[in-house]
Amino acid sequence: MRRAHHERDPQAIYRICVEGMLDDDWGEWLGGMAVDVGAGGGSPTTTLTGPVRDQTCLRGLLNRLWDLNLTIISVARLTPDTVPATKEMDGTTCH
């Protein structure tokens, strides 16, 4: 039985929401992600948005958030029509 071949975008854009506040400076340490702090339901949340090269890089990014003891609220792979156009996202590295 043959497996279906799926073309993969070399850098999918992800939006990751965590509880708590991160400064913009953390974006570079987290692979160049754009950092947006807001209040979700009264408590502060941080949304990280940017390109992630592959699933290995995504796991590394999530591990870094785990190491910071942050609670992950959601992880979403964005489609081209949902990618924010207002922020420059040039993160291409994974740590």
PDB file of N, CA and C in Angstrom:
ATOM      1  N   MET A   1       0.843  -1.162   0.000  1.00  0.00           N
ATOM      2  CA  MET A   1       0.000   0.000   0.000  1.00  0.00           C
ATOM      3  C   MET A   1       0.898   1.238   0.000  1.00  0.00           C
ATOM      4  N   ARG A   2       0.681   2.142  -0.917  1.00  0.00           N
ATOM      5  CA  ARG A   2       1.486   3.351  -1.014  1.00  0.00           C
ATOM      6  C   ARG A   2       0.922   4.436  -0.117  1.00  0.00           C
ATOM      7  N   ARG A   3       1.840   5.184   0.476  1.00  0.00           N
ATOM      8  CA  ARG A   3       1.437   6.306   1.320  1.00  0.00           C
ATOM      9  C   ARG A   3       1.277   7.538   0.449  1.00  0.00           C
ATOM     10  N   ALA A   4       0.342   8.351   0.781  1.00  0.00           N
ATOM     11  CA  ALA A   4       0.134   9.595   0.044  1.00  0.00           C
ATOM     12  C   ALA A   4       1.303  10.530   0.306  1.00  0.00           C
ATOM     13  N   HIS A   5       1.800  11.159  -0.737  1.00  0.00           N
ATOM     14  CA  HIS A   5       2.899  12.114  -0.605  1.00  0.00           C
ATOM     15  C   HIS A   5       2.302  13.507  -0.460  1.00  0.00           C
ATOM     16  N   HIS A   6       2.693  14.190   0.577  1.00  0.00           N
ATOM     17  CA  HIS A   6       2.203  15.542   0.816  1.00  0.00           C
ATOM     18  C   HIS A   6       3.342  16.521   0.665  1.00  0.00           C
ATOM     19  N   GLU A   7       3.142  17.530  -0.169  1.00  0.00           N
ATOM     20  CA  GLU A   7       4.128  18.599  -0.280  1.00  0.00           C
ATOM     21  C   GLU A   7       4.143  19.348   1.042  1.00  0.00           C
ATOM     22  N   ARG A   8       5.337  19.676   1.527  1.00  0.00           N
ATOM     23  CA  ARG A   8       5.448  20.393   2.790  1.00  0.00           C
ATOM     24  C   ARG A   8       6.032  21.761   2.549  1.00  0.00           C
ATOM     25  N   ASP A   9       5.438  22.745   3.159  1.00  0.00           N
ATOM     26  CA  ASP A   9       5.972  24.093   3.121  1.00  0.00           C
ATOM     27  C   ASP A   9       7.256  24.076   3.933  1.00  0.00           C
ATOM     28  N   PRO A  10       8.384  24.537   3.355  1.00  0.00           N
ATOM     29  CA  PRO A  10       9.638  24.467   4.098  1.00  0.00           C
ATOM     30  C   PRO A  10       9.630  25.276   5.394  1.00  0.00           C
ATOM     31  N   GLN A  11       8.778  26.270   5.469  1.00  0.00           N
ATOM     32  CA  GLN A  11       8.663  27.039   6.703  1.00  0.00           C
ATOM     33  C   GLN A  11       7.203  27.376   6.948  1.00  0.00           C
ATOM     34  N   ALA A  12       6.524  26.522   7.648  1.00  0.00           N
ATOM     35  CA  ALA A  12       5.140  26.783   8.008  1.00  0.00           C
ATOM     36  C   ALA A  12       5.108  27.874   9.074  1.00  0.00           C
ATOM     37  N   ILE A  13       4.055  28.661   9.072  1.00  0.00           N
ATOM     38  CA  ILE A  13       3.876  29.712  10.080  1.00  0.00           C
ATOM     39  C   ILE A  13       3.019  29.155  11.212  1.00  0.00           C
ATOM     40  N   TYR A  14       3.505  29.335  12.440  1.00  0.00           N
ATOM     41  CA  TYR A  14       2.780  28.863  13.613  1.00  0.00           C
ATOM     42  C   TYR A  14       2.434  30.019  14.537  1.00  0.00           C
ATOM     43  N   ARG A  15       1.314  29.855  15.235  1.00  0.00           N
ATOM     44  CA  ARG A  15       0.917  30.773  16.305  1.00  0.00           C
ATOM     45  C   ARG A  15       0.818  29.940  17.578  1.00  0.00           C
ATOM     46  N   ILE A  16       1.605  30.343  18.574  1.00  0.00           N
ATOM     47  CA  ILE A  16       1.647  29.620  19.853  1.00  0.00           C
ATOM     48  C   ILE A  16       1.253  30.601  20.943  1.00  0.00           C
ATOM     49  N   CYS A  17       0.259  30.242  21.724  1.00  0.00           N
ATOM     50  CA  CYS A  17      -0.219  31.100  22.804  1.00  0.00           C
ATOM     51  C   CYS A  17       0.139  30.457  24.142  1.00  0.00           C
ATOM     52  N   VAL A  18       0.740  31.256  25.023  1.00  0.00           N
ATOM     53  CA  VAL A  18       1.124  30.774  26.352  1.00  0.00           C
ATOM     54  C   VAL A  18       0.587  31.715  27.420  1.00  0.00           C
ATOM     55  N   GLU A  19       0.401  31.171  28.624  1.00  0.00           N
ATOM     56  CA  GLU A  19       0.031  32.004  29.762  1.00  0.00           C
ATOM     57  C   GLU A  19       1.248  32.786  30.217  1.00  0.00           C
ATOM     58  N   GLY A  20       1.032  34.025  30.637  1.00  0.00           N
ATOM     59  CA  GLY A  20       2.122  34.840  31.153  1.00  0.00           C
ATOM     60  C   GLY A  20       2.610  35.854  30.131  1.00  0.00           C
ATOM     61  N   MET A  21       3.526  36.681  30.584  1.00  0.00           N
ATOM     62  CA  MET A  21       4.053  37.752  29.750  1.00  0.00           C
ATOM     63  C   MET A  21       5.525  37.507  29.437  1.00  0.00           C
ATOM     64  N   LEU A  22       5.855  37.594  28.148  1.00  0.00           N
ATOM     65  CA  LEU A  22       7.245  37.540  27.707  1.00  0.00           C
ATOM     66  C   LEU A  22       7.579  38.870  27.053  1.00  0.00           C
ATOM     67  N   ASP A  23       8.771  39.381  27.308  1.00  0.00           N
ATOM     68  CA  ASP A  23       9.229  40.600  26.639  1.00  0.00           C
ATOM     69  C   ASP A  23       9.557  40.293  25.186  1.00  0.00           C
ATOM     70  N   ASP A  24       9.584  41.332  24.350  1.00  0.00           N
ATOM     71  CA  ASP A  24       9.957  41.169  22.948  1.00  0.00           C
ATOM     72  C   ASP A  24      11.331  40.527  22.791  1.00  0.00           C
ATOM     73  N   ASP A  25      12.211  40.768  23.768  1.00  0.00           N
ATOM     74  CA  ASP A  25      13.567  40.222  23.705  1.00  0.00           C
ATOM     75  C   ASP A  25      13.588  38.694  23.627  1.00  0.00           C
ATOM     76  N   TRP A  26      12.559  38.036  24.135  1.00  0.00           N
ATOM     77  CA  TRP A  26      12.507  36.573  24.114  1.00  0.00           C
ATOM     78  C   TRP A  26      12.302  36.043  22.704  1.00  0.00           C
ATOM     79  N   GLY A  27      11.766  36.858  21.805  1.00  0.00           N
ATOM     80  CA  GLY A  27      11.485  36.415  20.444  1.00  0.00           C
ATOM     81  C   GLY A  27      12.701  35.866  19.738  1.00  0.00           C
ATOM     82  N   GLU A  28      13.835  36.528  19.880  1.00  0.00           N
ATOM     83  CA  GLU A  28      15.059  36.054  19.225  1.00  0.00           C
ATOM     84  C   GLU A  28      15.497  34.711  19.801  1.00  0.00           C
ATOM     85  N   TRP A  29      15.442  34.555  21.114  1.00  0.00           N
ATOM     86  CA  TRP A  29      15.822  33.304  21.758  1.00  0.00           C
ATOM     87  C   TRP A  29      14.884  32.165  21.353  1.00  0.00           C
ATOM     88  N   LEU A  30      13.670  32.526  20.974  1.00  0.00           N
ATOM     89  CA  LEU A  30      12.682  31.533  20.570  1.00  0.00           C
ATOM     90  C   LEU A  30      12.614  31.411  19.045  1.00  0.00           C
ATOM     91  N   GLY A  31      13.735  31.595  18.383  1.00  0.00           N
ATOM     92  CA  GLY A  31      13.804  31.362  16.949  1.00  0.00           C
ATOM     93  C   GLY A  31      13.345  32.507  16.082  1.00  0.00           C
ATOM     94  N   GLY A  32      13.312  33.706  16.618  1.00  0.00           N
ATOM     95  CA  GLY A  32      12.900  34.866  15.835  1.00  0.00           C
ATOM     96  C   GLY A  32      11.398  35.057  15.742  1.00  0.00           C
ATOM     97  N   MET A  33      10.670  34.505  16.669  1.00  0.00           N
ATOM     98  CA  MET A  33       9.209  34.638  16.665  1.00  0.00           C
ATOM     99  C   MET A  33       8.806  36.065  17.029  1.00  0.00           C
ATOM    100  N   ALA A  34       7.711  36.533  16.439  1.00  0.00           N
ATOM    101  CA  ALA A  34       7.123  37.808  16.831  1.00  0.00           C
ATOM    102  C   ALA A  34       6.400  37.586  18.156  1.00  0.00           C
ATOM    103  N   VAL A  35       6.570  38.513  19.101  1.00  0.00           N
ATOM    104  CA  VAL A  35       5.996  38.389  20.442  1.00  0.00           C
ATOM    105  C   VAL A  35       4.916  39.444  20.614  1.00  0.00           C
ATOM    106  N   ASP A  36       3.721  39.006  21.021  1.00  0.00           N
ATOM    107  CA  ASP A  36       2.601  39.916  21.241  1.00  0.00           C
ATOM    108  C   ASP A  36       1.969  39.571  22.589  1.00  0.00           C
ATOM    109  N   VAL A  37       1.990  40.538  23.509  1.00  0.00           N
ATOM    110  CA  VAL A  37       1.435  40.331  24.846  1.00  0.00           C
ATOM    111  C   VAL A  37       0.051  40.954  24.918  1.00  0.00           C
ATOM    112  N   GLY A  38      -0.880  40.221  25.502  1.00  0.00           N
ATOM    113  CA  GLY A  38      -2.239  40.717  25.671  1.00  0.00           C
ATOM    114  C   GLY A  38      -2.863  40.124  26.907  1.00  0.00           C
ATOM    115  N   ALA A  39      -4.101  40.491  27.158  1.00  0.00           N
ATOM    116  CA  ALA A  39      -4.832  39.952  28.303  1.00  0.00           C
ATOM    117  C   ALA A  39      -5.953  39.075  27.774  1.00  0.00           C
ATOM    118  N   GLY A  40      -5.854  37.796  28.043  1.00  0.00           N
ATOM    119  CA  GLY A  40      -6.899  36.866  27.628  1.00  0.00           C
ATOM    120  C   GLY A  40      -7.744  36.479  28.814  1.00  0.00           C
ATOM    121  N   GLY A  41      -8.941  37.021  28.913  1.00  0.00           N
ATOM    122  CA  GLY A  41      -9.816  36.689  30.028  1.00  0.00           C
ATOM    123  C   GLY A  41      -9.321  37.226  31.350  1.00  0.00           C
ATOM    124  N   GLY A  42      -8.575  38.339  31.321  1.00  0.00           N
ATOM    125  CA  GLY A  42      -8.109  38.957  32.543  1.00  0.00           C
ATOM    126  C   GLY A  42      -6.685  38.612  32.926  1.00  0.00           C
ATOM    127  N   SER A  43      -6.199  37.456  32.527  1.00  0.00           N
ATOM    128  CA  SER A  43      -4.814  37.105  32.842  1.00  0.00           C
ATOM    129  C   SER A  43      -3.943  37.336  31.603  1.00  0.00           C
ATOM    130  N   PRO A  44      -2.685  37.735  31.811  1.00  0.00           N
ATOM    131  CA  PRO A  44      -1.830  38.031  30.664  1.00  0.00           C
ATOM    132  C   PRO A  44      -1.478  36.775  29.871  1.00  0.00           C
ATOM    133  N   THR A  45      -1.436  36.931  28.562  1.00  0.00           N
ATOM    134  CA  THR A  45      -1.012  35.863  27.679  1.00  0.00           C
ATOM    135  C   THR A  45      -0.006  36.431  26.678  1.00  0.00           C
ATOM    136  N   THR A  46       0.822  35.570  26.139  1.00  0.00           N
ATOM    137  CA  THR A  46       1.766  35.954  25.099  1.00  0.00           C
ATOM    138  C   THR A  46       1.514  35.079  23.889  1.00  0.00           C
ATOM    139  N   THR A  47       1.446  35.717  22.726  1.00  0.00           N
ATOM    140  CA  THR A  47       1.293  34.999  21.473  1.00  0.00           C
ATOM    141  C   THR A  47       2.588  35.117  20.689  1.00  0.00           C
ATOM    142  N   LEU A  48       3.118  33.990  20.285  1.00  0.00           N
ATOM    143  CA  LEU A  48       4.326  33.923  19.473  1.00  0.00           C
ATOM    144  C   LEU A  48       3.909  33.504  18.072  1.00  0.00           C
ATOM    145  N   THR A  49       4.331  34.254  17.073  1.00  0.00           N
ATOM    146  CA  THR A  49       3.954  33.945  15.700  1.00  0.00           C
ATOM    147  C   THR A  49       5.182  34.019  14.814  1.00  0.00           C
ATOM    148  N   GLY A  50       5.365  33.020  13.976  1.00  0.00           N
ATOM    149  CA  GLY A  50       6.485  33.056  13.058  1.00  0.00           C
ATOM    150  C   GLY A  50       6.702  31.744  12.350  1.00  0.00           C
ATOM    151  N   PRO A  51       7.658  31.754  11.414  1.00  0.00           N
ATOM    152  CA  PRO A  51       7.948  30.547  10.655  1.00  0.00           C
ATOM    153  C   PRO A  51       8.719  29.525  11.483  1.00  0.00           C
ATOM    154  N   VAL A  52       8.390  28.280  11.259  1.00  0.00           N
ATOM    155  CA  VAL A  52       9.081  27.165  11.904  1.00  0.00           C
ATOM    156  C   VAL A  52       9.488  26.210  10.786  1.00  0.00           C
ATOM    157  N   ARG A  53      10.766  25.923  10.695  1.00  0.00           N
ATOM    158  CA  ARG A  53      11.317  25.163   9.566  1.00  0.00           C
ATOM    159  C   ARG A  53      10.714  23.771   9.415  1.00  0.00           C
ATOM    160  N   ASP A  54      10.567  23.037  10.514  1.00  0.00           N
ATOM    161  CA  ASP A  54      10.051  21.674  10.430  1.00  0.00           C
ATOM    162  C   ASP A  54       9.568  21.242  11.814  1.00  0.00           C
ATOM    163  N   GLN A  55       9.095  20.007  11.905  1.00  0.00           N
ATOM    164  CA  GLN A  55       8.537  19.508  13.162  1.00  0.00           C
ATOM    165  C   GLN A  55       9.592  19.391  14.251  1.00  0.00           C
ATOM    166  N   THR A  56      10.837  19.124  13.881  1.00  0.00           N
ATOM    167  CA  THR A  56      11.913  19.070  14.865  1.00  0.00           C
ATOM    168  C   THR A  56      12.106  20.439  15.506  1.00  0.00           C
ATOM    169  N   CYS A  57      12.075  21.484  14.689  1.00  0.00           N
ATOM    170  CA  CYS A  57      12.210  22.850  15.214  1.00  0.00           C
ATOM    171  C   CYS A  57      11.018  23.214  16.086  1.00  0.00           C
ATOM    172  N   LEU A  58       9.828  22.786  15.687  1.00  0.00           N
ATOM    173  CA  LEU A  58       8.637  23.058  16.493  1.00  0.00           C
ATOM    174  C   LEU A  58       8.771  22.401  17.857  1.00  0.00           C
ATOM    175  N   ARG A  59       9.221  21.174  17.876  1.00  0.00           N
ATOM    176  CA  ARG A  59       9.404  20.489  19.165  1.00  0.00           C
ATOM    177  C   ARG A  59      10.444  21.211  20.019  1.00  0.00           C
ATOM    178  N   GLY A  60      11.542  21.655  19.399  1.00  0.00           N
ATOM    179  CA  GLY A  60      12.562  22.404  20.137  1.00  0.00           C
ATOM    180  C   GLY A  60      12.004  23.688  20.723  1.00  0.00           C
ATOM    181  N   LEU A  61      11.177  24.383  19.947  1.00  0.00           N
ATOM    182  CA  LEU A  61      10.544  25.612  20.426  1.00  0.00           C
ATOM    183  C   LEU A  61       9.617  25.323  21.601  1.00  0.00           C
ATOM    184  N   LEU A  62       8.808  24.289  21.481  1.00  0.00           N
ATOM    185  CA  LEU A  62       7.903  23.919  22.572  1.00  0.00           C
ATOM    186  C   LEU A  62       8.685  23.488  23.810  1.00  0.00           C
ATOM    187  N   ASN A  63       9.812  22.816  23.618  1.00  0.00           N
ATOM    188  CA  ASN A  63      10.659  22.437  24.756  1.00  0.00           C
ATOM    189  C   ASN A  63      11.215  23.666  25.463  1.00  0.00           C
ATOM    190  N   ARG A  64      11.588  24.693  24.702  1.00  0.00           N
ATOM    191  CA  ARG A  64      12.075  25.925  25.330  1.00  0.00           C
ATOM    192  C   ARG A  64      10.983  26.575  26.170  1.00  0.00           C
ATOM    193  N   LEU A  65       9.756  26.571  25.664  1.00  0.00           N
ATOM    194  CA  LEU A  65       8.645  27.133  26.439  1.00  0.00           C
ATOM    195  C   LEU A  65       8.417  26.299  27.696  1.00  0.00           C
ATOM    196  N   TRP A  66       8.536  24.989  27.590  1.00  0.00           N
ATOM    197  CA  TRP A  66       8.429  24.092  28.739  1.00  0.00           C
ATOM    198  C   TRP A  66       9.503  24.424  29.763  1.00  0.00           C
ATOM    199  N   ASP A  67      10.755  24.631  29.271  1.00  0.00           N
ATOM    200  CA  ASP A  67      11.871  24.954  30.162  1.00  0.00           C
ATOM    201  C   ASP A  67      11.652  26.270  30.905  1.00  0.00           C
ATOM    202  N   LEU A  68      10.885  27.189  30.301  1.00  0.00           N
ATOM    203  CA  LEU A  68      10.551  28.458  30.954  1.00  0.00           C
ATOM    204  C   LEU A  68       9.377  28.304  31.921  1.00  0.00           C
ATOM    205  N   ASN A  69       8.846  27.078  32.017  1.00  0.00           N
ATOM    206  CA  ASN A  69       7.713  26.777  32.892  1.00  0.00           C
ATOM    207  C   ASN A  69       6.462  27.564  32.491  1.00  0.00           C
ATOM    208  N   LEU A  70       6.279  27.748  31.174  1.00  0.00           N
ATOM    209  CA  LEU A  70       5.099  28.440  30.673  1.00  0.00           C
ATOM    210  C   LEU A  70       4.015  27.420  30.316  1.00  0.00           C
ATOM    211  N   THR A  71       2.783  27.773  30.599  1.00  0.00           N
ATOM    212  CA  THR A  71       1.658  26.919  30.233  1.00  0.00           C
ATOM    213  C   THR A  71       1.261  27.235  28.802  1.00  0.00           C
ATOM    214  N   ILE A  72       1.286  26.218  27.957  1.00  0.00           N
ATOM    215  CA  ILE A  72       0.899  26.400  26.558  1.00  0.00           C
ATOM    216  C   ILE A  72      -0.611  26.296  26.456  1.00  0.00           C
ATOM    217  N   ILE A  73      -1.208  27.345  25.903  1.00  0.00           N
ATOM    218  CA  ILE A  73      -2.661  27.387  25.733  1.00  0.00           C
ATOM    219  C   ILE A  73      -3.058  26.762  24.406  1.00  0.00           C
ATOM    220  N   SER A  74      -2.331  27.117  23.335  1.00  0.00           N
ATOM    221  CA  SER A  74      -2.660  26.578  22.021  1.00  0.00           C
ATOM    222  C   SER A  74      -1.460  26.657  21.087  1.00  0.00           C
ATOM    223  N   VAL A  75      -1.478  25.770  20.099  1.00  0.00           N
ATOM    224  CA  VAL A  75      -0.497  25.759  19.018  1.00  0.00           C
ATOM    225  C   VAL A  75      -1.297  25.587  17.734  1.00  0.00           C
ATOM    226  N   ALA A  76      -1.099  26.491  16.777  1.00  0.00           N
ATOM    227  CA  ALA A  76      -1.848  26.409  15.524  1.00  0.00           C
ATOM    228  C   ALA A  76      -0.938  26.687  14.339  1.00  0.00           C
ATOM    229  N   ARG A  77      -1.052  25.849  13.330  1.00  0.00           N
ATOM    230  CA  ARG A  77      -0.369  26.107  12.067  1.00  0.00           C
ATOM    231  C   ARG A  77      -1.298  26.987  11.248  1.00  0.00           C
ATOM    232  N   LEU A  78      -0.800  28.136  10.841  1.00  0.00           N
ATOM    233  CA  LEU A  78      -1.628  29.094  10.127  1.00  0.00           C
ATOM    234  C   LEU A  78      -1.664  28.798   8.638  1.00  0.00           C
ATOM    235  N   THR A  79      -2.798  29.078   8.041  1.00  0.00           N
ATOM    236  CA  THR A  79      -2.933  28.991   6.596  1.00  0.00           C
ATOM    237  C   THR A  79      -2.577  30.357   6.013  1.00  0.00           C
ATOM    238  N   PRO A  80      -2.238  30.427   4.739  1.00  0.00           N
ATOM    239  CA  PRO A  80      -1.827  31.711   4.157  1.00  0.00           C
ATOM    240  C   PRO A  80      -2.814  32.854   4.386  1.00  0.00           C
ATOM    241  N   ASP A  81      -4.115  32.558   4.444  1.00  0.00           N
ATOM    242  CA  ASP A  81      -5.097  33.623   4.645  1.00  0.00           C
ATOM    243  C   ASP A  81      -5.240  34.047   6.104  1.00  0.00           C
ATOM    244  N   THR A  82      -4.594  33.341   7.046  1.00  0.00           N
ATOM    245  CA  THR A  82      -4.684  33.734   8.458  1.00  0.00           C
ATOM    246  C   THR A  82      -3.371  34.267   9.005  1.00  0.00           C
ATOM    247  N   VAL A  83      -2.332  34.333   8.169  1.00  0.00           N
ATOM    248  CA  VAL A  83      -1.036  34.846   8.620  1.00  0.00           C
ATOM    249  C   VAL A  83      -1.134  36.356   8.771  1.00  0.00           C
ATOM    250  N   PRO A  84      -0.761  36.899   9.948  1.00  0.00           N
ATOM    251  CA  PRO A  84      -0.829  38.341  10.150  1.00  0.00           C
ATOM    252  C   PRO A  84       0.128  39.061   9.207  1.00  0.00           C
ATOM    253  N   ALA A  85      -0.348  40.127   8.592  1.00  0.00           N
ATOM    254  CA  ALA A  85       0.476  40.882   7.650  1.00  0.00           C
ATOM    255  C   ALA A  85       1.142  42.076   8.317  1.00  0.00           C
ATOM    256  N   THR A  86       0.853  42.336   9.579  1.00  0.00           N
ATOM    257  CA  THR A  86       1.328  43.545  10.218  1.00  0.00           C
ATOM    258  C   THR A  86       2.694  43.411  10.863  1.00  0.00           C
ATOM    259  N   LYS A  87       3.173  42.200  11.086  1.00  0.00           N
ATOM    260  CA  LYS A  87       4.451  42.013  11.753  1.00  0.00           C
ATOM    261  C   LYS A  87       5.436  41.336  10.823  1.00  0.00           C
ATOM    262  N   GLU A  88       6.668  41.777  10.875  1.00  0.00           N
ATOM    263  CA  GLU A  88       7.731  41.142  10.105  1.00  0.00           C
ATOM    264  C   GLU A  88       8.146  39.867  10.817  1.00  0.00           C
ATOM    265  N   MET A  89       8.077  38.754  10.127  1.00  0.00           N
ATOM    266  CA  MET A  89       8.456  37.488  10.724  1.00  0.00           C
ATOM    267  C   MET A  89       9.541  36.862   9.881  1.00  0.00           C
ATOM    268  N   ASP A  90      10.770  36.924  10.374  1.00  0.00           N
ATOM    269  CA  ASP A  90      11.865  36.391   9.592  1.00  0.00           C
ATOM    270  C   ASP A  90      12.638  35.308  10.331  1.00  0.00           C
ATOM    271  N   GLY A  91      12.072  34.757  11.397  1.00  0.00           N
ATOM    272  CA  GLY A  91      12.791  33.725  12.140  1.00  0.00           C
ATOM    273  C   GLY A  91      12.918  32.462  11.327  1.00  0.00           C
ATOM    274  N   THR A  92      14.131  32.009  11.116  1.00  0.00           N
ATOM    275  CA  THR A  92      14.344  30.827  10.315  1.00  0.00           C
ATOM    276  C   THR A  92      15.167  29.776  11.052  1.00  0.00           C
ATOM    277  N   THR A  93      15.538  30.044  12.268  1.00  0.00           N
ATOM    278  CA  THR A  93      16.402  29.129  12.978  1.00  0.00           C
ATOM    279  C   THR A  93      15.598  28.279  13.952  1.00  0.00           C
ATOM    280  N   CYS A  94      16.190  27.182  14.353  1.00  0.00           N
ATOM    281  CA  CYS A  94      15.637  26.432  15.474  1.00  0.00           C
ATOM    282  C   CYS A  94      16.788  26.069  16.385  1.00  0.00           C
ATOM    283  N   HIS A  95      16.501  26.019  17.664  1.00  0.00           N
ATOM    284  CA  HIS A  95      17.554  25.826  18.664  1.00  0.00           C
ATOM    285  C   HIS A  95      17.329  24.517  19.379  1.00  0.00           C
TER     286      HIS A  95
END
